[in-house]
Amino acid sequence: MEGVDPGSGYCARTSIYHSILTPAELPSHPTDLTTYLFASKRADAALGRTVAVVDGRTGRNLTFSQLDETVRKVAAGLWQRLGIRKSDVVAILSPNSIEFGVLFFAIASLGAITTTLNPLNTNADIKKLIRGAGAKYIFTTPELLSKAEATGLPIVLIEDEATPATKATTNLRYTDLLSTSNPAPPVTLSQSDPVAILFSSGTTGESKGVVLTHGNLIAMCAVVLSPQVDGGLNKVALHLIPMFHIFGLMVSVGNVARGVTVVILPRFDFLEMLATIQKYKVTTFPLVPPILLLMIKQEVVNKFDMTSLRNIGCGAAPLGKEQLDQCAARFPNAKLIQGYGLTESTAIGSVTPADGKEFADHFGSAGMLAPTLEAMVVDPVTNKAMPPTKQGELWLRGPTIMKEYLNNPKATAETLDKDGWMRTGDLVYFDVDGYLYIVDRLKELIKYKANQVAPAELESLLLTHPKVEDCAVIPFPDEAAGEIPMAYIVKKPGSALTAEEVMKFVAKQVASYKKIRKVAFIEAIPKSAAGKMERRKLVELSRLQAKL
């Protein structure tokens, strides 16, 4: 390609970065997600007999053939018992489980749309998101029943042999869907049809529904299947990342595409996690930095056999050289693979090549631009595209980029341009070798243990406190969580207010991951001449004060 630097993939003529990793193979003919995932498993008898999913606690499992059959049965139940049709929205409020994945695939096969919910959210949050998505039913577990009931939607309970019949309930059960005799009729689908609505908080504090299509998820699968991303090391994967999150959804769908056995745990328990890796000889473990930090620092890890690990995939935030060295020392058989992605890009953005070559010389990077994607680095002031080593906002284009924000044409237009470029809101640069570095977030989201926290939402809440005159919420670095919400508070004249009082006030009204965990008092919140809060100045002040 004319003007392309073979090292960085940068084309000076177009100012576009192209992936220099082996291209991903997209389907050559139109198909939908479930057909794409299961057609090859039906054709390959050996693969059909391979275990696809395992409940890590009970050992209950389904082969790929059984998973395919169960998906079809549940789809028939959804069609006949619930009347689910193409474009209907179905909500799932649940921890990780075999049933979560089956439901997602079954809903997709009907051309219906899944919206996923964070179990940590408050009843008010869940009700608001459900209303925004327009869901007709909600699937949930007995432990989350009260939150589901608060939505007012018809409920289907997810129960397996570990949680038998719930007492005195009139709700339909997931197992009832399996008894339907006639299959669901075939549905005509295209890759542009929506398959999921995942909510991503915006800088205004308003959650936006990210609409992902069958084509988006198929392209995501094609990326994880590409040779330099897959690497051939994936045999048994541990699924601990929450399935409601785009990272967890990528793990669930991507590993079915790979034909990998997935061991599922419903929630994080450190010792249970280690025991599960040992018991099932896990080779692949996608995780987030707080879990990796525990694995490289806690001595109890040495009591378990971790020698099966070959691939540790870390997302959400780049790791420093010290953490990379510690990981290599503790898990000498494993390659550490890092990556970057957004809900809006179906979790695809950049990835470390699976062989790990040269990555030690690029610590702090988020890997190379993923196959199928193009990128530009655009100066947010001049709007000019920048060459390697120069910073700017990352723009992405490719088949994994979302369709739109649900019922929000204004936000869609602000994020997607007419040529298909998506503004990520992240300040980045590429080095001369094609490695991507995330410098900062132009968007002001705080990422607490991979959960997104909108500062404006907390600021609105803080301003209702009778002793608060003004406030600002910023991200503050934390080794365990990645970032924590920190509040700068301007007290009302003559009032007495403590940090503990501020934190308790917020904690009573928000989900646990949204809590204010650090407070500082200030005489005035810095603002521009136009009255806009200068949050960056407070970020710099917090870092300076931390060093004193």
Protein backbone atom coordinates (compact mmCIF):
# COMPACT_ATOMS: atom_id res chain seq x y z
CA MET A 1 0.00 0.00 0.00
CA GLU A 2 1.38 3.36 -1.04
CA GLY A 3 3.07 5.34 1.73
CA VAL A 4 2.59 2.70 4.40
CA ASP A 5 5.35 2.37 6.97
CA PRO A 6 5.80 -1.43 7.36
CA GLY A 7 6.81 -0.94 10.99
CA SER A 8 3.90 1.10 12.28
CA GLY A 9 1.26 0.45 9.63
CA TYR A 10 0.91 4.21 9.18
CA CYS A 11 0.01 5.51 5.71
CA ALA A 12 1.31 9.06 5.36
CA ARG A 13 -0.81 9.70 2.27
CA THR A 14 -4.10 9.01 4.08
CA SER A 15 -2.96 9.61 7.70
CA ILE A 16 -4.52 6.23 8.53
CA TYR A 17 -3.00 3.46 10.64
CA HIS A 18 -3.64 -0.07 9.36
CA SER A 19 -3.19 -3.23 11.41
CA ILE A 20 0.07 -5.01 10.67
CA LEU A 21 -1.16 -8.22 12.29
CA THR A 22 -2.36 -11.12 10.15
CA PRO A 23 -5.76 -10.18 8.69
CA ALA A 24 -8.86 -11.72 10.24
CA GLU A 25 -11.02 -13.89 7.99
CA LEU A 26 -14.55 -12.53 7.86
CA PRO A 27 -17.34 -14.77 6.48
CA SER A 28 -17.51 -14.67 2.69
CA HIS A 29 -21.32 -15.00 2.72
CA PRO A 30 -24.10 -13.41 4.80
CA THR A 31 -24.74 -15.16 8.09
CA ASP A 32 -26.04 -14.49 11.60
CA LEU A 33 -24.16 -14.99 14.86
CA THR A 34 -25.52 -18.37 16.00
CA THR A 35 -25.22 -19.90 12.53
CA TYR A 36 -21.65 -18.61 12.34
CA LEU A 37 -20.80 -20.09 15.75
CA PHE A 38 -22.43 -23.52 15.52
CA ALA A 39 -22.34 -24.54 11.85
CA SER A 40 -18.74 -25.74 12.06
CA LYS A 41 -19.42 -27.62 15.30
CA ARG A 42 -22.24 -29.53 13.60
CA ALA A 43 -19.98 -30.42 10.68
CA ASP A 44 -17.07 -31.58 12.87
CA ALA A 45 -18.12 -34.60 14.94
CA ALA A 46 -15.00 -34.52 17.13
CA LEU A 47 -15.51 -30.84 17.93
CA GLY A 48 -19.17 -31.54 18.65
CA ARG A 49 -18.11 -34.02 21.33
CA THR A 50 -15.69 -31.54 22.93
CA VAL A 51 -16.85 -29.98 26.18
CA ALA A 52 -17.90 -26.39 25.49
CA VAL A 53 -18.92 -25.05 28.91
CA VAL A 54 -18.38 -26.25 32.48
CA ASP A 55 -19.86 -25.01 35.74
CA GLY A 56 -16.63 -24.59 37.70
CA ARG A 57 -18.33 -25.28 41.02
CA THR A 58 -20.42 -28.35 40.21
CA GLY A 59 -18.68 -29.81 37.16
CA ARG A 60 -21.95 -29.78 35.21
CA ASN A 61 -21.10 -29.40 31.53
CA LEU A 62 -22.33 -29.32 27.93
CA THR A 63 -20.47 -30.44 24.83
CA PHE A 64 -20.65 -28.20 21.77
CA SER A 65 -23.36 -30.46 20.30
CA GLN A 66 -25.32 -30.31 23.57
CA LEU A 67 -24.86 -26.55 23.78
CA ASP A 68 -26.19 -26.17 20.23
CA GLU A 69 -29.17 -28.43 21.03
CA THR A 70 -29.92 -26.57 24.28
CA VAL A 71 -29.78 -23.21 22.52
CA ARG A 72 -32.35 -24.48 20.00
CA LYS A 73 -34.63 -25.80 22.76
CA VAL A 74 -34.50 -22.55 24.69
CA ALA A 75 -35.12 -20.58 21.49
CA ALA A 76 -38.23 -22.69 20.88
CA GLY A 77 -39.37 -22.01 24.44
CA LEU A 78 -38.80 -18.28 24.04
CA TRP A 79 -40.81 -18.34 20.82
CA GLN A 80 -43.73 -20.47 21.98
CA ARG A 81 -43.97 -19.86 25.74
CA LEU A 82 -43.04 -16.17 25.81
CA GLY A 83 -43.88 -15.04 22.28
CA ILE A 84 -40.42 -13.55 21.72
CA ARG A 85 -40.05 -12.32 18.14
CA LYS A 86 -37.47 -10.54 16.01
CA SER A 87 -36.41 -7.15 17.45
CA ASP A 88 -37.93 -7.85 20.89
CA VAL A 89 -35.62 -6.97 23.78
CA VAL A 90 -34.96 -9.45 26.61
CA ALA A 91 -33.02 -8.47 29.75
CA ILE A 92 -30.63 -10.69 31.71
CA LEU A 93 -29.80 -9.83 35.32
CA SER A 94 -27.58 -12.64 36.53
CA PRO A 95 -24.11 -13.71 37.63
CA ASN A 96 -22.09 -15.81 35.18
CA SER A 97 -23.63 -19.19 34.40
CA ILE A 98 -24.05 -21.74 31.64
CA GLU A 99 -27.65 -20.54 31.31
CA PHE A 100 -26.56 -16.93 30.73
CA GLY A 101 -24.65 -17.95 27.61
CA VAL A 102 -27.40 -20.28 26.36
CA LEU A 103 -29.96 -17.50 26.73
CA PHE A 104 -27.80 -15.02 24.84
CA PHE A 105 -27.36 -17.38 21.88
CA ALA A 106 -31.04 -18.46 21.90
CA ILE A 107 -32.28 -14.87 21.94
CA ALA A 108 -29.88 -14.01 19.11
CA SER A 109 -31.08 -16.95 17.00
CA LEU A 110 -34.61 -15.49 17.01
CA GLY A 111 -33.40 -12.08 15.88
CA ALA A 112 -34.32 -10.73 19.32
CA ILE A 113 -31.96 -8.53 21.32
CA THR A 114 -30.31 -9.11 24.71
CA THR A 115 -29.69 -6.28 27.13
CA THR A 116 -27.45 -7.14 30.09
CA LEU A 117 -27.54 -5.61 33.55
CA ASN A 118 -24.98 -5.24 36.32
CA PRO A 119 -26.22 -7.05 39.46
CA LEU A 120 -24.46 -4.42 41.59
CA ASN A 121 -26.65 -1.63 40.26
CA THR A 122 -29.40 -0.20 42.43
CA ASN A 123 -33.07 -0.95 41.79
CA ALA A 124 -33.49 2.57 40.42
CA ASP A 125 -30.55 2.14 38.02
CA ILE A 126 -31.87 -1.18 36.74
CA LYS A 127 -35.40 0.13 36.28
CA LYS A 128 -34.09 3.11 34.32
CA LEU A 129 -31.96 0.96 32.01
CA ILE A 130 -34.79 -1.53 31.45
CA ARG A 131 -37.12 1.29 30.49
CA GLY A 132 -34.52 2.73 28.13
CA ALA A 133 -33.96 -0.60 26.40
CA GLY A 134 -37.65 -1.40 26.07
CA ALA A 135 -37.31 -4.95 27.43
CA LYS A 136 -40.32 -7.29 27.42
CA TYR A 137 -39.01 -9.90 29.89
CA ILE A 138 -36.26 -10.13 32.47
CA PHE A 139 -34.32 -13.32 33.29
CA THR A 140 -32.80 -13.42 36.76
CA THR A 141 -31.70 -15.69 39.59
CA PRO A 142 -33.46 -16.22 42.94
CA GLU A 143 -30.85 -14.13 44.75
CA LEU A 144 -31.57 -11.14 42.49
CA LEU A 145 -35.33 -11.62 42.35
CA SER A 146 -36.17 -8.49 44.36
CA LYS A 147 -34.22 -6.30 41.95
CA ALA A 148 -35.97 -7.88 38.97
CA GLU A 149 -39.38 -7.44 40.64
CA ALA A 150 -38.70 -3.72 41.02
CA THR A 151 -38.66 -3.37 37.21
CA GLY A 152 -42.30 -4.46 36.89
CA LEU A 153 -41.42 -6.79 34.00
CA PRO A 154 -42.53 -10.43 33.69
CA ILE A 155 -39.78 -12.57 35.25
CA VAL A 156 -38.23 -15.87 34.23
CA LEU A 157 -36.13 -17.47 36.96
CA ILE A 158 -32.79 -19.02 36.07
CA GLU A 159 -32.56 -22.16 38.19
CA ASP A 160 -30.43 -25.27 37.81
CA GLU A 161 -29.97 -28.37 39.93
CA ALA A 162 -27.94 -26.34 42.43
CA THR A 163 -30.92 -24.03 43.01
CA PRO A 164 -34.09 -26.13 42.70
CA ALA A 165 -37.64 -24.84 42.69
CA THR A 166 -38.07 -21.50 44.40
CA LYS A 167 -40.74 -21.68 47.04
CA ALA A 168 -44.12 -20.06 46.45
CA THR A 169 -43.26 -18.42 43.15
CA THR A 170 -45.58 -17.98 40.19
CA ASN A 171 -42.74 -16.99 37.89
CA LEU A 172 -41.91 -19.05 34.83
CA ARG A 173 -38.61 -20.92 35.13
CA TYR A 174 -35.77 -21.26 32.63
CA THR A 175 -36.16 -25.06 32.81
CA ASP A 176 -39.78 -24.69 31.60
CA LEU A 177 -38.43 -23.46 28.28
CA LEU A 178 -36.57 -26.74 27.70
CA SER A 179 -39.76 -28.80 27.49
CA THR A 180 -41.07 -27.22 24.28
CA SER A 181 -41.44 -29.91 21.61
CA ASN A 182 -41.59 -27.99 18.32
CA PRO A 183 -38.58 -25.97 17.14
CA ALA A 184 -38.79 -22.23 16.56
CA PRO A 185 -39.37 -21.34 12.90
CA PRO A 186 -36.37 -20.01 10.93
CA VAL A 187 -35.87 -16.25 11.07
CA THR A 188 -34.31 -14.23 8.27
CA LEU A 189 -31.42 -12.21 9.72
CA SER A 190 -28.72 -9.93 8.36
CA GLN A 191 -25.42 -8.92 9.89
CA SER A 192 -26.78 -5.40 10.38
CA ASP A 193 -29.54 -6.63 12.69
CA PRO A 194 -29.03 -5.71 16.38
CA VAL A 195 -28.09 -8.54 18.74
CA ALA A 196 -27.24 -6.74 22.00
CA ILE A 197 -27.74 -3.49 23.88
CA LEU A 198 -25.01 -2.89 26.44
CA PHE A 199 -25.07 0.23 28.57
CA SER A 200 -22.04 2.50 28.72
CA SER A 201 -22.00 5.58 30.95
CA GLY A 202 -21.38 8.91 29.27
CA THR A 203 -19.54 11.96 30.57
CA THR A 204 -22.88 13.64 31.26
CA GLY A 205 -23.75 10.87 33.70
CA GLU A 206 -26.47 9.52 31.42
CA SER A 207 -26.09 5.87 30.44
CA LYS A 208 -26.14 5.26 26.70
CA GLY A 209 -27.32 2.01 25.17
CA VAL A 210 -24.65 0.72 22.78
CA VAL A 211 -26.34 -1.18 19.95
CA LEU A 212 -24.17 -4.05 18.69
CA THR A 213 -25.08 -6.13 15.64
CA HIS A 214 -24.65 -9.73 14.53
CA GLY A 215 -21.93 -8.43 12.21
CA ASN A 216 -20.12 -6.68 15.07
CA LEU A 217 -19.89 -9.89 17.12
CA ILE A 218 -18.98 -12.02 14.10
CA ALA A 219 -16.13 -9.58 13.32
CA MET A 220 -15.03 -9.74 16.97
CA CYS A 221 -14.89 -13.54 16.70
CA ALA A 222 -12.88 -13.27 13.49
CA VAL A 223 -10.33 -11.09 15.29
CA VAL A 224 -9.88 -13.48 18.23
CA LEU A 225 -9.56 -16.35 15.74
CA SER A 226 -6.83 -14.64 13.70
CA PRO A 227 -3.48 -16.48 14.10
CA GLN A 228 -1.46 -13.71 15.75
CA VAL A 229 -4.24 -13.05 18.26
CA ASP A 230 -5.24 -16.64 19.04
CA GLY A 231 -1.77 -18.16 19.05
CA GLY A 232 -3.09 -21.72 19.36
CA LEU A 233 -2.56 -21.76 23.15
CA ASN A 234 -6.24 -21.65 24.08
CA LYS A 235 -7.54 -25.04 25.25
CA VAL A 236 -9.34 -24.47 28.56
CA ALA A 237 -10.40 -20.93 29.49
CA LEU A 238 -11.51 -19.67 32.90
CA HIS A 239 -14.45 -17.29 32.63
CA LEU A 240 -14.54 -15.00 35.64
CA ILE A 241 -15.14 -11.65 33.88
CA PRO A 242 -18.84 -10.72 34.33
CA MET A 243 -20.90 -11.73 31.31
CA PHE A 244 -22.96 -8.54 31.44
CA HIS A 245 -19.78 -6.57 30.56
CA ILE A 246 -18.51 -6.35 26.97
CA PHE A 247 -15.22 -7.98 28.02
CA GLY A 248 -17.14 -10.92 29.50
CA LEU A 249 -19.38 -11.16 26.46
CA MET A 250 -16.28 -11.29 24.25
CA VAL A 251 -14.89 -14.14 26.39
CA SER A 252 -18.16 -16.06 26.20
CA VAL A 253 -18.84 -15.65 22.47
CA GLY A 254 -15.21 -15.62 21.33
CA ASN A 255 -14.32 -18.90 23.00
CA VAL A 256 -17.31 -20.68 21.48
CA ALA A 257 -15.99 -19.49 18.11
CA ARG A 258 -12.54 -20.85 19.00
CA GLY A 259 -13.90 -24.22 20.10
CA VAL A 260 -12.35 -23.72 23.53
CA THR A 261 -13.65 -25.36 26.72
CA VAL A 262 -14.84 -22.58 29.05
CA VAL A 263 -14.95 -23.10 32.83
CA ILE A 264 -17.43 -20.65 34.35
CA LEU A 265 -17.37 -19.16 37.85
CA PRO A 266 -20.30 -16.99 38.97
CA ARG A 267 -18.29 -14.44 40.92
CA PHE A 268 -14.82 -13.65 42.23
CA ASP A 269 -13.45 -15.70 45.11
CA PHE A 270 -9.65 -15.71 45.07
CA LEU A 271 -9.02 -19.15 46.58
CA GLU A 272 -11.84 -20.73 44.57
CA MET A 273 -10.36 -19.18 41.44
CA LEU A 274 -6.93 -20.67 42.13
CA ALA A 275 -8.40 -24.08 42.94
CA THR A 276 -10.40 -24.00 39.71
CA ILE A 277 -7.30 -23.24 37.61
CA GLN A 278 -5.56 -26.21 39.23
CA LYS A 279 -8.54 -28.61 38.99
CA TYR A 280 -9.39 -27.97 35.34
CA LYS A 281 -5.82 -27.30 34.16
CA VAL A 282 -6.81 -23.92 32.79
CA THR A 283 -4.58 -22.71 29.94
CA THR A 284 -6.19 -19.33 29.23
CA PHE A 285 -7.28 -16.77 31.79
CA PRO A 286 -8.72 -13.40 30.73
CA LEU A 287 -8.76 -11.03 33.70
CA VAL A 288 -8.48 -7.42 34.85
CA PRO A 289 -5.46 -5.78 36.55
CA PRO A 290 -6.71 -6.01 40.18
CA ILE A 291 -6.93 -9.81 39.91
CA LEU A 292 -3.54 -10.06 38.22
CA LEU A 293 -1.97 -7.96 40.97
CA LEU A 294 -3.31 -10.42 43.56
CA MET A 295 -1.95 -13.34 41.56
CA ILE A 296 1.57 -11.93 41.41
CA LYS A 297 1.71 -10.64 45.00
CA GLN A 298 -0.17 -13.15 47.17
CA GLU A 299 2.07 -15.98 48.41
CA VAL A 300 -0.92 -18.34 48.71
CA VAL A 301 -0.76 -18.68 44.91
CA ASN A 302 2.35 -20.84 45.35
CA LYS A 303 0.23 -23.49 47.10
CA PHE A 304 -1.62 -24.19 43.86
CA ASP A 305 -0.42 -25.71 40.60
CA MET A 306 -0.46 -22.91 38.02
CA THR A 307 1.81 -24.60 35.47
CA SER A 308 -1.06 -25.19 33.02
CA LEU A 309 -1.43 -21.45 32.36
CA ARG A 310 -0.19 -20.53 28.88
CA ASN A 311 -2.05 -17.31 28.17
CA ILE A 312 -3.02 -14.56 30.62
CA GLY A 313 -5.11 -11.86 28.93
CA CYS A 314 -5.28 -8.59 30.83
CA GLY A 315 -7.66 -5.82 29.80
CA ALA A 316 -8.99 -2.50 31.15
CA ALA A 317 -5.60 -0.85 31.89
CA PRO A 318 -1.97 -1.30 30.75
CA LEU A 319 0.53 -2.75 33.21
CA GLY A 320 3.92 -1.31 34.03
CA LYS A 321 7.29 -3.02 33.61
CA GLU A 322 7.43 -4.06 37.28
CA GLN A 323 4.12 -5.92 37.02
CA LEU A 324 5.17 -7.52 33.73
CA ASP A 325 8.41 -8.76 35.27
CA GLN A 326 6.61 -10.09 38.37
CA CYS A 327 4.08 -11.91 36.18
CA ALA A 328 6.84 -13.49 34.09
CA ALA A 329 8.65 -14.65 37.25
CA ARG A 330 5.57 -16.19 38.87
CA PHE A 331 4.08 -17.74 35.70
CA PRO A 332 7.08 -18.64 33.53
CA ASN A 333 5.00 -20.86 31.23
CA ALA A 334 2.49 -18.12 30.40
CA LYS A 335 2.44 -15.26 27.92
CA LEU A 336 0.85 -12.03 29.16
CA ILE A 337 -1.44 -10.60 26.50
CA GLN A 338 -2.77 -7.06 26.95
CA GLY A 339 -5.43 -5.27 24.98
CA TYR A 340 -7.64 -2.23 24.63
CA GLY A 341 -11.25 -1.97 23.53
CA LEU A 342 -14.55 -0.28 24.23
CA THR A 343 -18.15 -1.36 24.45
CA GLU A 344 -18.65 0.70 21.29
CA SER A 345 -15.98 -1.32 19.45
CA THR A 346 -17.21 -4.73 20.68
CA ALA A 347 -14.18 -4.90 23.01
CA ILE A 348 -11.82 -4.81 20.01
CA GLY A 349 -9.16 -2.11 19.62
CA SER A 350 -5.61 -3.28 20.16
CA VAL A 351 -3.99 -6.50 21.27
CA THR A 352 -0.56 -7.85 22.12
CA PRO A 353 0.56 -10.40 19.49
CA ALA A 354 -0.02 -13.85 20.97
CA ASP A 355 3.63 -14.88 20.68
CA GLY A 356 4.57 -11.98 22.99
CA LYS A 357 7.63 -11.16 20.87
CA GLU A 358 9.18 -7.75 21.49
CA PHE A 359 6.44 -6.85 23.97
CA ALA A 360 8.97 -6.49 26.79
CA ASP A 361 10.43 -3.57 24.83
CA HIS A 362 7.01 -1.88 24.70
CA PHE A 363 5.84 -2.12 28.31
CA GLY A 364 3.04 0.27 29.10
CA SER A 365 1.52 -0.21 25.67
CA ALA A 366 -1.88 -1.73 24.92
CA GLY A 367 -0.53 -3.77 22.02
CA MET A 368 -0.97 -3.35 18.27
CA LEU A 369 -4.03 -2.27 16.31
CA ALA A 370 -6.33 -5.28 16.00
CA PRO A 371 -6.96 -6.95 12.63
CA THR A 372 -9.94 -5.54 10.63
CA LEU A 373 -9.53 -2.09 12.22
CA GLU A 374 -8.18 1.20 10.91
CA ALA A 375 -7.18 4.07 13.17
CA MET A 376 -6.41 7.75 13.11
CA VAL A 377 -4.82 9.83 15.86
CA VAL A 378 -6.46 13.26 15.70
CA ASP A 379 -5.24 16.38 17.49
CA PRO A 380 -8.33 17.48 19.50
CA VAL A 381 -7.42 21.17 19.07
CA THR A 382 -6.40 21.39 15.41
CA ASN A 383 -8.39 18.34 14.20
CA LYS A 384 -5.34 17.24 12.21
CA ALA A 385 -4.31 13.60 11.95
CA MET A 386 -1.03 12.85 13.71
CA PRO A 387 1.86 10.56 12.67
CA PRO A 388 3.63 8.02 14.96
CA THR A 389 4.89 9.34 18.36
CA LYS A 390 2.46 12.30 18.26
CA GLN A 391 -0.52 12.39 20.62
CA GLY A 392 -4.16 12.84 19.72
CA GLU A 393 -7.62 11.35 20.13
CA LEU A 394 -7.95 7.79 18.86
CA TRP A 395 -10.47 7.32 16.07
CA LEU A 396 -11.37 3.77 15.00
CA ARG A 397 -13.12 2.36 11.95
CA GLY A 398 -14.03 -1.22 11.07
CA PRO A 399 -16.64 -3.99 11.29
CA THR A 400 -16.60 -4.21 15.10
CA ILE A 401 -17.73 -0.60 15.55
CA MET A 402 -21.24 -0.25 17.03
CA LYS A 403 -24.31 0.54 14.98
CA GLU A 404 -25.49 3.45 17.15
CA TYR A 405 -26.48 4.65 20.59
CA LEU A 406 -30.03 3.49 21.27
CA ASN A 407 -32.61 6.25 20.64
CA ASN A 408 -29.89 8.88 20.92
CA PRO A 409 -29.12 10.37 17.49
CA LYS A 410 -27.31 13.34 19.03
CA ALA A 411 -24.81 11.18 20.93
CA THR A 412 -24.46 8.90 17.90
CA ALA A 413 -23.64 11.85 15.63
CA GLU A 414 -21.10 13.14 18.15
CA THR A 415 -19.34 9.76 18.21
CA LEU A 416 -19.71 8.35 14.68
CA ASP A 417 -19.00 10.48 11.61
CA LYS A 418 -20.40 10.00 8.10
CA ASP A 419 -17.33 8.01 7.04
CA GLY A 420 -17.70 5.46 9.84
CA TRP A 421 -14.99 6.80 12.14
CA MET A 422 -15.69 6.45 15.85
CA ARG A 423 -14.22 9.00 18.23
CA THR A 424 -13.08 7.02 21.27
CA GLY A 425 -12.44 9.97 23.58
CA ASP A 426 -9.03 8.50 24.51
CA LEU A 427 -5.76 10.40 24.16
CA VAL A 428 -3.16 8.08 22.60
CA TYR A 429 -0.15 7.71 20.34
CA PHE A 430 1.41 4.94 18.25
CA ASP A 431 5.14 4.36 18.42
CA VAL A 432 7.26 3.68 15.33
CA ASP A 433 6.77 -0.09 15.78
CA GLY A 434 2.98 0.15 15.70
CA TYR A 435 2.33 -0.23 19.43
CA LEU A 436 -0.51 1.81 20.91
CA TYR A 437 -0.13 3.80 24.14
CA ILE A 438 -3.12 5.13 26.07
CA VAL A 439 -2.11 8.46 27.62
CA ASP A 440 -5.35 9.59 29.21
CA ARG A 441 -9.10 9.62 28.76
CA LEU A 442 -10.56 12.62 27.08
CA LYS A 443 -13.83 11.17 28.24
CA GLU A 444 -14.05 11.64 31.98
CA LEU A 445 -15.18 8.20 33.02
CA ILE A 446 -13.61 6.61 36.07
CA LYS A 447 -12.86 2.88 35.75
CA TYR A 448 -13.18 1.21 39.13
CA LYS A 449 -12.32 -2.49 38.77
CA ALA A 450 -13.53 -2.40 35.14
CA ASN A 451 -16.83 -0.75 36.18
CA GLN A 452 -17.53 2.64 34.64
CA VAL A 453 -18.35 5.51 36.99
CA ALA A 454 -19.60 8.82 35.60
CA PRO A 455 -18.26 11.80 37.63
CA ALA A 456 -21.25 13.97 36.76
CA GLU A 457 -23.66 11.50 38.35
CA LEU A 458 -21.79 11.65 41.66
CA GLU A 459 -21.41 15.43 41.43
CA SER A 460 -25.18 15.83 41.02
CA LEU A 461 -25.71 13.71 44.11
CA LEU A 462 -23.10 15.56 46.18
CA LEU A 463 -24.69 18.90 45.34
CA THR A 464 -27.87 17.77 47.12
CA HIS A 465 -25.97 17.67 50.43
CA PRO A 466 -26.92 20.75 52.48
CA LYS A 467 -23.28 21.47 53.41
CA VAL A 468 -21.82 21.24 49.90
CA GLU A 469 -21.42 24.47 47.92
CA ASP A 470 -19.63 23.02 44.90
CA CYS A 471 -17.79 19.84 44.00
CA ALA A 472 -15.88 17.86 41.40
CA VAL A 473 -15.23 14.13 41.11
CA ILE A 474 -12.05 12.85 39.50
CA PRO A 475 -10.26 9.53 39.01
CA PHE A 476 -7.50 8.82 41.51
CA PRO A 477 -5.02 6.00 40.80
CA ASP A 478 -5.28 2.92 42.98
CA GLU A 479 -3.14 -0.20 42.65
CA ALA A 480 -5.92 -2.63 43.50
CA ALA A 481 -8.88 -1.01 41.72
CA GLY A 482 -7.16 0.82 38.88
CA GLU A 483 -8.96 4.05 39.71
CA ILE A 484 -11.18 5.21 42.56
CA PRO A 485 -13.65 8.12 42.62
CA MET A 486 -12.21 11.09 44.51
CA ALA A 487 -14.26 14.16 45.41
CA TYR A 488 -13.05 17.74 45.76
CA ILE A 489 -15.57 19.56 47.95
CA VAL A 490 -16.24 23.28 48.47
CA LYS A 491 -18.05 23.64 51.81
CA LYS A 492 -20.91 26.06 52.26
CA PRO A 493 -19.81 29.10 54.31
CA GLY A 494 -19.79 28.41 58.03
CA SER A 495 -20.56 24.71 57.68
CA ALA A 496 -18.61 21.84 59.19
CA LEU A 497 -18.23 18.83 56.96
CA THR A 498 -15.91 15.83 57.21
CA ALA A 499 -14.60 13.46 54.58
CA GLU A 500 -16.25 10.54 56.37
CA GLU A 501 -19.61 12.31 56.27
CA VAL A 502 -19.27 12.89 52.52
CA MET A 503 -18.39 9.24 51.81
CA LYS A 504 -21.23 7.89 53.97
CA PHE A 505 -23.72 10.25 52.28
CA VAL A 506 -22.86 8.92 48.85
CA ALA A 507 -22.46 5.26 49.87
CA LYS A 508 -26.07 5.09 51.07
CA GLN A 509 -27.40 6.06 47.65
CA VAL A 510 -25.25 4.37 45.00
CA ALA A 511 -23.98 0.96 43.93
CA SER A 512 -20.84 -0.14 45.76
CA TYR A 513 -18.51 0.49 42.83
CA LYS A 514 -19.69 4.13 42.59
CA LYS A 515 -18.75 5.05 46.17
CA ILE A 516 -16.56 8.09 46.83
CA ARG A 517 -13.40 6.63 48.36
CA LYS A 518 -11.24 9.74 48.82
CA VAL A 519 -12.19 13.32 49.72
CA ALA A 520 -10.30 16.61 49.74
CA PHE A 521 -11.58 20.08 50.54
CA ILE A 522 -10.81 23.08 48.35
CA GLU A 523 -11.75 26.77 48.35
CA ALA A 524 -13.02 26.82 44.76
CA ILE A 525 -13.41 24.40 41.85
CA PRO A 526 -11.22 25.64 38.95
CA LYS A 527 -13.29 26.67 35.94
CA SER A 528 -12.65 28.15 32.53
CA ALA A 529 -13.77 31.59 31.39
CA ALA A 530 -16.82 29.91 29.91
CA GLY A 531 -17.65 28.37 33.29
CA LYS A 532 -16.68 24.84 32.35
CA MET A 533 -15.05 22.78 35.10
CA GLU A 534 -11.32 22.25 34.51
CA ARG A 535 -11.17 18.72 35.82
CA ARG A 536 -7.66 18.15 34.51
CA LYS A 537 -6.29 20.77 36.94
CA LEU A 538 -7.80 18.88 39.85
CA VAL A 539 -6.30 15.63 38.58
CA GLU A 540 -2.89 17.32 38.50
CA LEU A 541 -3.45 18.80 41.99
CA SER A 542 -4.39 15.40 43.42
CA ARG A 543 -1.22 13.84 42.04
CA LEU A 544 0.90 16.67 43.45
CA GLN A 545 -0.72 16.43 46.88
CA ALA A 546 -0.20 12.66 46.88
CA LYS A 547 3.56 13.20 46.53
CA LEU A 548 3.78 15.64 49.45
